[in-house]
């Protein structure tokens, strides 16, 4: 998952992301290291937060644009 790459590129800390999404920092860390897999609802939260597609987060495409 590309979450860490996107977060760092935007200059957002794990703690800020967690607070903005009403999660805890440990969960963000686990998603980034692959210890935990995000469910569909969480993937939507990440995609909406960063304004990218779920496929981009999951590394299925290199194009971050969402189809609307």
PDB file of N, CA and C in Angstrom:
ATOM      1  N   UNK A   1       0.844  -1.173   0.000  1.00  0.00           N
ATOM      2  CA  UNK A   1       0.000   0.000   0.000  1.00  0.00           C
ATOM      3  C   UNK A   1       0.893   1.241   0.000  1.00  0.00           C
ATOM      4  N   UNK A   2       0.459   2.238  -0.697  1.00  0.00           N
ATOM      5  CA  UNK A   2       1.222   3.458  -0.925  1.00  0.00           C
ATOM      6  C   UNK A   2       0.955   4.544   0.121  1.00  0.00           C
ATOM      7  N   UNK A   3       0.309   4.215   1.181  1.00  0.00           N
ATOM      8  CA  UNK A   3      -0.128   5.206   2.166  1.00  0.00           C
ATOM      9  C   UNK A   3       1.026   6.046   2.707  1.00  0.00           C
ATOM     10  N   UNK A   4       2.102   5.417   3.106  1.00  0.00           N
ATOM     11  CA  UNK A   4       3.236   6.143   3.692  1.00  0.00           C
ATOM     12  C   UNK A   4       3.819   7.134   2.686  1.00  0.00           C
ATOM     13  N   UNK A   5       3.967   6.696   1.454  1.00  0.00           N
ATOM     14  CA  UNK A   5       4.506   7.553   0.399  1.00  0.00           C
ATOM     15  C   UNK A   5       3.642   8.807   0.196  1.00  0.00           C
ATOM     16  N   UNK A   6       2.343   8.620   0.133  1.00  0.00           N
ATOM     17  CA  UNK A   6       1.424   9.748  -0.065  1.00  0.00           C
ATOM     18  C   UNK A   6       1.475  10.682   1.139  1.00  0.00           C
ATOM     19  N   UNK A   7       1.418  10.107   2.316  1.00  0.00           N
ATOM     20  CA  UNK A   7       1.413  10.907   3.542  1.00  0.00           C
ATOM     21  C   UNK A   7       2.680  11.750   3.651  1.00  0.00           C
ATOM     22  N   UNK A   8       3.835  11.139   3.419  1.00  0.00           N
ATOM     23  CA  UNK A   8       5.100  11.868   3.534  1.00  0.00           C
ATOM     24  C   UNK A   8       5.216  12.942   2.456  1.00  0.00           C
ATOM     25  N   UNK A   9       4.761  12.645   1.244  1.00  0.00           N
ATOM     26  CA  UNK A   9       4.819  13.627   0.157  1.00  0.00           C
ATOM     27  C   UNK A   9       3.996  14.873   0.477  1.00  0.00           C
ATOM     28  N   UNK A  10       2.951  14.685   1.263  1.00  0.00           N
ATOM     29  CA  UNK A  10       2.091  15.818   1.641  1.00  0.00           C
ATOM     30  C   UNK A  10       2.537  16.477   2.950  1.00  0.00           C
ATOM     31  N   UNK A  11       3.580  15.939   3.570  1.00  0.00           N
ATOM     32  CA  UNK A  11       4.103  16.513   4.803  1.00  0.00           C
ATOM     33  C   UNK A  11       3.187  16.335   5.996  1.00  0.00           C
ATOM     34  N   UNK A  12       2.489  15.212   6.033  1.00  0.00           N
ATOM     35  CA  UNK A  12       1.537  14.929   7.108  1.00  0.00           C
ATOM     36  C   UNK A  12       2.105  13.830   8.003  1.00  0.00           C
ATOM     37  N   UNK A  13       2.082  14.057   9.295  1.00  0.00           N
ATOM     38  CA  UNK A  13       2.576  13.043  10.235  1.00  0.00           C
ATOM     39  C   UNK A  13       1.525  11.945  10.420  1.00  0.00           C
ATOM     40  N   UNK A  14       1.988  10.810  10.911  1.00  0.00           N
ATOM     41  CA  UNK A  14       1.048   9.730  11.231  1.00  0.00           C
ATOM     42  C   UNK A  14       0.026  10.208  12.251  1.00  0.00           C
ATOM     43  N   UNK A  15       0.487  10.974  13.228  1.00  0.00           N
ATOM     44  CA  UNK A  15      -0.411  11.451  14.278  1.00  0.00           C
ATOM     45  C   UNK A  15      -1.484  12.385  13.717  1.00  0.00           C
ATOM     46  N   UNK A  16      -1.094  13.311  12.846  1.00  0.00           N
ATOM     47  CA  UNK A  16      -2.079  14.227  12.257  1.00  0.00           C
ATOM     48  C   UNK A  16      -3.091  13.458  11.423  1.00  0.00           C
ATOM     49  N   UNK A  17      -2.616  12.521  10.609  1.00  0.00           N
ATOM     50  CA  UNK A  17      -3.524  11.715   9.792  1.00  0.00           C
ATOM     51  C   UNK A  17      -4.492  10.958  10.685  1.00  0.00           C
ATOM     52  N   UNK A  18      -3.967  10.349  11.722  1.00  0.00           N
ATOM     53  CA  UNK A  18      -4.813   9.586  12.647  1.00  0.00           C
ATOM     54  C   UNK A  18      -5.860  10.487  13.300  1.00  0.00           C
ATOM     55  N   UNK A  19      -5.450  11.656  13.741  1.00  0.00           N
ATOM     56  CA  UNK A  19      -6.389  12.572  14.390  1.00  0.00           C
ATOM     57  C   UNK A  19      -7.450  13.059  13.400  1.00  0.00           C
ATOM     58  N   UNK A  20      -7.029  13.386  12.184  1.00  0.00           N
ATOM     59  CA  UNK A  20      -7.967  13.875  11.168  1.00  0.00           C
ATOM     60  C   UNK A  20      -8.997  12.807  10.795  1.00  0.00           C
ATOM     61  N   UNK A  21      -8.602  11.546  10.856  1.00  0.00           N
ATOM     62  CA  UNK A  21      -9.501  10.456  10.463  1.00  0.00           C
ATOM     63  C   UNK A  21     -10.113   9.731  11.663  1.00  0.00           C
ATOM     64  N   UNK A  22      -9.902  10.292  12.845  1.00  0.00           N
ATOM     65  CA  UNK A  22     -10.458   9.705  14.068  1.00  0.00           C
ATOM     66  C   UNK A  22      -9.990   8.261  14.269  1.00  0.00           C
ATOM     67  N   UNK A  23      -8.683   8.069  14.103  1.00  0.00           N
ATOM     68  CA  UNK A  23      -8.048   6.773  14.305  1.00  0.00           C
ATOM     69  C   UNK A  23      -6.919   6.982  15.303  1.00  0.00           C
ATOM     70  N   UNK A  24      -6.206   5.909  15.620  1.00  0.00           N
ATOM     71  CA  UNK A  24      -5.019   6.107  16.451  1.00  0.00           C
ATOM     72  C   UNK A  24      -3.767   5.927  15.596  1.00  0.00           C
ATOM     73  N   UNK A  25      -2.681   6.492  16.059  1.00  0.00           N
ATOM     74  CA  UNK A  25      -1.435   6.508  15.305  1.00  0.00           C
ATOM     75  C   UNK A  25      -0.897   5.098  15.075  1.00  0.00           C
ATOM     76  N   UNK A  26      -1.120   4.211  16.010  1.00  0.00           N
ATOM     77  CA  UNK A  26      -0.659   2.831  15.851  1.00  0.00           C
ATOM     78  C   UNK A  26      -1.329   2.143  14.670  1.00  0.00           C
ATOM     79  N   UNK A  27      -2.587   2.442  14.453  1.00  0.00           N
ATOM     80  CA  UNK A  27      -3.292   1.859  13.305  1.00  0.00           C
ATOM     81  C   UNK A  27      -2.666   2.336  12.004  1.00  0.00           C
ATOM     82  N   UNK A  28      -2.371   3.639  11.915  1.00  0.00           N
ATOM     83  CA  UNK A  28      -1.747   4.176  10.710  1.00  0.00           C
ATOM     84  C   UNK A  28      -0.404   3.492  10.479  1.00  0.00           C
ATOM     85  N   UNK A  29       0.376   3.346  11.528  1.00  0.00           N
ATOM     86  CA  UNK A  29       1.671   2.686  11.425  1.00  0.00           C
ATOM     87  C   UNK A  29       1.515   1.261  10.911  1.00  0.00           C
ATOM     88  N   UNK A  30       0.561   0.544  11.440  1.00  0.00           N
ATOM     89  CA  UNK A  30       0.349  -0.850  11.020  1.00  0.00           C
ATOM     90  C   UNK A  30      -0.103  -0.949   9.567  1.00  0.00           C
ATOM     91  N   UNK A  31      -0.934  -0.008   9.117  1.00  0.00           N
ATOM     92  CA  UNK A  31      -1.332   0.017   7.698  1.00  0.00           C
ATOM     93  C   UNK A  31      -0.102   0.261   6.825  1.00  0.00           C
ATOM     94  N   UNK A  32       0.747   1.180   7.247  1.00  0.00           N
ATOM     95  CA  UNK A  32       1.919   1.528   6.447  1.00  0.00           C
ATOM     96  C   UNK A  32       2.949   0.405   6.382  1.00  0.00           C
ATOM     97  N   UNK A  33       3.081  -0.365   7.430  1.00  0.00           N
ATOM     98  CA  UNK A  33       4.066  -1.455   7.439  1.00  0.00           C
ATOM     99  C   UNK A  33       3.504  -2.767   6.912  1.00  0.00           C
ATOM    100  N   UNK A  34       2.204  -2.815   6.668  1.00  0.00           N
ATOM    101  CA  UNK A  34       1.586  -4.030   6.163  1.00  0.00           C
ATOM    102  C   UNK A  34       1.202  -5.012   7.246  1.00  0.00           C
ATOM    103  N   UNK A  35       1.359  -4.621   8.500  1.00  0.00           N
ATOM    104  CA  UNK A  35       0.951  -5.499   9.605  1.00  0.00           C
ATOM    105  C   UNK A  35      -0.567  -5.640   9.654  1.00  0.00           C
ATOM    106  N   UNK A  36      -1.247  -4.663   9.101  1.00  0.00           N
ATOM    107  CA  UNK A  36      -2.706  -4.651   9.112  1.00  0.00           C
ATOM    108  C   UNK A  36      -3.185  -4.219   7.734  1.00  0.00           C
ATOM    109  N   UNK A  37      -4.263  -4.842   7.249  1.00  0.00           N
ATOM    110  CA  UNK A  37      -4.831  -4.465   5.964  1.00  0.00           C
ATOM    111  C   UNK A  37      -6.082  -3.625   6.185  1.00  0.00           C
ATOM    112  N   UNK A  38      -6.169  -2.563   5.420  1.00  0.00           N
ATOM    113  CA  UNK A  38      -7.312  -1.665   5.529  1.00  0.00           C
ATOM    114  C   UNK A  38      -8.548  -2.307   4.914  1.00  0.00           C
ATOM    115  N   UNK A  39      -9.676  -2.155   5.590  1.00  0.00           N
ATOM    116  CA  UNK A  39     -10.931  -2.629   5.011  1.00  0.00           C
ATOM    117  C   UNK A  39     -11.429  -1.588   4.008  1.00  0.00           C
ATOM    118  N   UNK A  40     -12.514  -1.903   3.332  1.00  0.00           N
ATOM    119  CA  UNK A  40     -13.032  -1.038   2.277  1.00  0.00           C
ATOM    120  C   UNK A  40     -13.369   0.358   2.804  1.00  0.00           C
ATOM    121  N   UNK A  41     -13.990   0.432   3.950  1.00  0.00           N
ATOM    122  CA  UNK A  41     -14.369   1.715   4.541  1.00  0.00           C
ATOM    123  C   UNK A  41     -13.134   2.575   4.824  1.00  0.00           C
ATOM    124  N   UNK A  42     -12.082   1.955   5.333  1.00  0.00           N
ATOM    125  CA  UNK A  42     -10.851   2.676   5.646  1.00  0.00           C
ATOM    126  C   UNK A  42     -10.151   3.129   4.367  1.00  0.00           C
ATOM    127  N   UNK A  43     -10.158   2.290   3.340  1.00  0.00           N
ATOM    128  CA  UNK A  43      -9.572   2.686   2.062  1.00  0.00           C
ATOM    129  C   UNK A  43     -10.285   3.911   1.494  1.00  0.00           C
ATOM    130  N   UNK A  44     -11.600   3.953   1.627  1.00  0.00           N
ATOM    131  CA  UNK A  44     -12.366   5.115   1.162  1.00  0.00           C
ATOM    132  C   UNK A  44     -11.963   6.353   1.957  1.00  0.00           C
ATOM    133  N   UNK A  45     -11.796   6.217   3.270  1.00  0.00           N
ATOM    134  CA  UNK A  45     -11.355   7.347   4.094  1.00  0.00           C
ATOM    135  C   UNK A  45     -10.015   7.890   3.606  1.00  0.00           C
ATOM    136  N   UNK A  46      -9.063   6.994   3.362  1.00  0.00           N
ATOM    137  CA  UNK A  46      -7.745   7.415   2.892  1.00  0.00           C
ATOM    138  C   UNK A  46      -7.841   8.083   1.517  1.00  0.00           C
ATOM    139  N   UNK A  47      -8.587   7.480   0.624  1.00  0.00           N
ATOM    140  CA  UNK A  47      -8.724   8.025  -0.728  1.00  0.00           C
ATOM    141  C   UNK A  47      -9.365   9.411  -0.705  1.00  0.00           C
ATOM    142  N   UNK A  48     -10.400   9.573   0.069  1.00  0.00           N
ATOM    143  CA  UNK A  48     -11.058  10.874   0.164  1.00  0.00           C
ATOM    144  C   UNK A  48     -10.153  11.906   0.828  1.00  0.00           C
ATOM    145  N   UNK A  49      -9.450  11.510   1.848  1.00  0.00           N
ATOM    146  CA  UNK A  49      -8.564  12.423   2.573  1.00  0.00           C
ATOM    147  C   UNK A  49      -7.472  12.972   1.659  1.00  0.00           C
ATOM    148  N   UNK A  50      -6.861  12.091   0.878  1.00  0.00           N
ATOM    149  CA  UNK A  50      -5.761  12.503   0.011  1.00  0.00           C
ATOM    150  C   UNK A  50      -6.220  12.874  -1.402  1.00  0.00           C
ATOM    151  N   UNK A  51      -7.503  12.718  -1.680  1.00  0.00           N
ATOM    152  CA  UNK A  51      -8.081  13.014  -2.993  1.00  0.00           C
ATOM    153  C   UNK A  51      -7.379  12.230  -4.101  1.00  0.00           C
ATOM    154  N   UNK A  52      -7.246  10.927  -3.863  1.00  0.00           N
ATOM    155  CA  UNK A  52      -6.672  10.012  -4.842  1.00  0.00           C
ATOM    156  C   UNK A  52      -7.596   8.798  -4.949  1.00  0.00           C
ATOM    157  N   UNK A  53      -7.351   7.980  -5.950  1.00  0.00           N
ATOM    158  CA  UNK A  53      -8.171   6.778  -6.111  1.00  0.00           C
ATOM    159  C   UNK A  53      -7.706   5.671  -5.168  1.00  0.00           C
ATOM    160  N   UNK A  54      -8.608   4.778  -4.875  1.00  0.00           N
ATOM    161  CA  UNK A  54      -8.254   3.606  -4.071  1.00  0.00           C
ATOM    162  C   UNK A  54      -7.226   2.763  -4.828  1.00  0.00           C
ATOM    163  N   UNK A  55      -7.369   2.663  -6.129  1.00  0.00           N
ATOM    164  CA  UNK A  55      -6.394   1.910  -6.922  1.00  0.00           C
ATOM    165  C   UNK A  55      -4.994   2.490  -6.789  1.00  0.00           C
ATOM    166  N   UNK A  56      -4.893   3.810  -6.689  1.00  0.00           N
ATOM    167  CA  UNK A  56      -3.589   4.440  -6.493  1.00  0.00           C
ATOM    168  C   UNK A  56      -3.010   4.066  -5.127  1.00  0.00           C
ATOM    169  N   UNK A  57      -3.827   4.105  -4.111  1.00  0.00           N
ATOM    170  CA  UNK A  57      -3.368   3.723  -2.770  1.00  0.00           C
ATOM    171  C   UNK A  57      -2.897   2.273  -2.747  1.00  0.00           C
ATOM    172  N   UNK A  58      -3.618   1.414  -3.455  1.00  0.00           N
ATOM    173  CA  UNK A  58      -3.291  -0.012  -3.477  1.00  0.00           C
ATOM    174  C   UNK A  58      -2.220  -0.372  -4.509  1.00  0.00           C
ATOM    175  N   UNK A  59      -1.659   0.657  -5.176  1.00  0.00           N
ATOM    176  CA  UNK A  59      -0.601   0.480  -6.165  1.00  0.00           C
ATOM    177  C   UNK A  59      -1.045  -0.311  -7.388  1.00  0.00           C
ATOM    178  N   UNK A  60      -2.324  -0.217  -7.706  1.00  0.00           N
ATOM    179  CA  UNK A  60      -2.844  -0.860  -8.914  1.00  0.00           C
ATOM    180  C   UNK A  60      -2.676   0.040 -10.126  1.00  0.00           C
ATOM    181  N   UNK A  61      -2.394   1.315  -9.877  1.00  0.00           N
ATOM    182  CA  UNK A  61      -2.132   2.288 -10.935  1.00  0.00           C
ATOM    183  C   UNK A  61      -1.166   3.333 -10.407  1.00  0.00           C
ATOM    184  N   UNK A  62      -0.498   3.992 -11.325  1.00  0.00           N
ATOM    185  CA  UNK A  62       0.390   5.080 -10.940  1.00  0.00           C
ATOM    186  C   UNK A  62      -0.270   6.437 -11.157  1.00  0.00           C
ATOM    187  N   UNK A  63      -1.525   6.429 -11.549  1.00  0.00           N
ATOM    188  CA  UNK A  63      -2.273   7.662 -11.762  1.00  0.00           C
ATOM    189  C   UNK A  63      -3.147   7.924 -10.536  1.00  0.00           C
ATOM    190  N   UNK A  64      -2.885   9.011  -9.798  1.00  0.00           N
ATOM    191  CA  UNK A  64      -3.629   9.261  -8.568  1.00  0.00           C
ATOM    192  C   UNK A  64      -5.050   9.782  -8.772  1.00  0.00           C
ATOM    193  N   UNK A  65      -5.395  10.188  -9.996  1.00  0.00           N
ATOM    194  CA  UNK A  65      -6.702  10.789 -10.230  1.00  0.00           C
ATOM    195  C   UNK A  65      -7.837   9.805  -9.987  1.00  0.00           C
ATOM    196  N   UNK A  66      -8.911  10.349  -9.411  1.00  0.00           N
ATOM    197  CA  UNK A  66     -10.120   9.549  -9.200  1.00  0.00           C
ATOM    198  C   UNK A  66     -11.024   9.709 -10.400  1.00  0.00           C
ATOM    199  N   UNK A  67     -11.735   8.660 -10.744  1.00  0.00           N
ATOM    200  CA  UNK A  67     -12.763   8.745 -11.786  1.00  0.00           C
ATOM    201  C   UNK A  67     -14.034   9.233 -11.155  1.00  0.00           C
ATOM    202  N   UNK A  68     -14.529  10.350 -11.634  1.00  0.00           N
ATOM    203  CA  UNK A  68     -15.765  10.928 -11.071  1.00  0.00           C
ATOM    204  C   UNK A  68     -16.799  11.069 -12.123  1.00  0.00           C
TER     205      UNK A  68
END
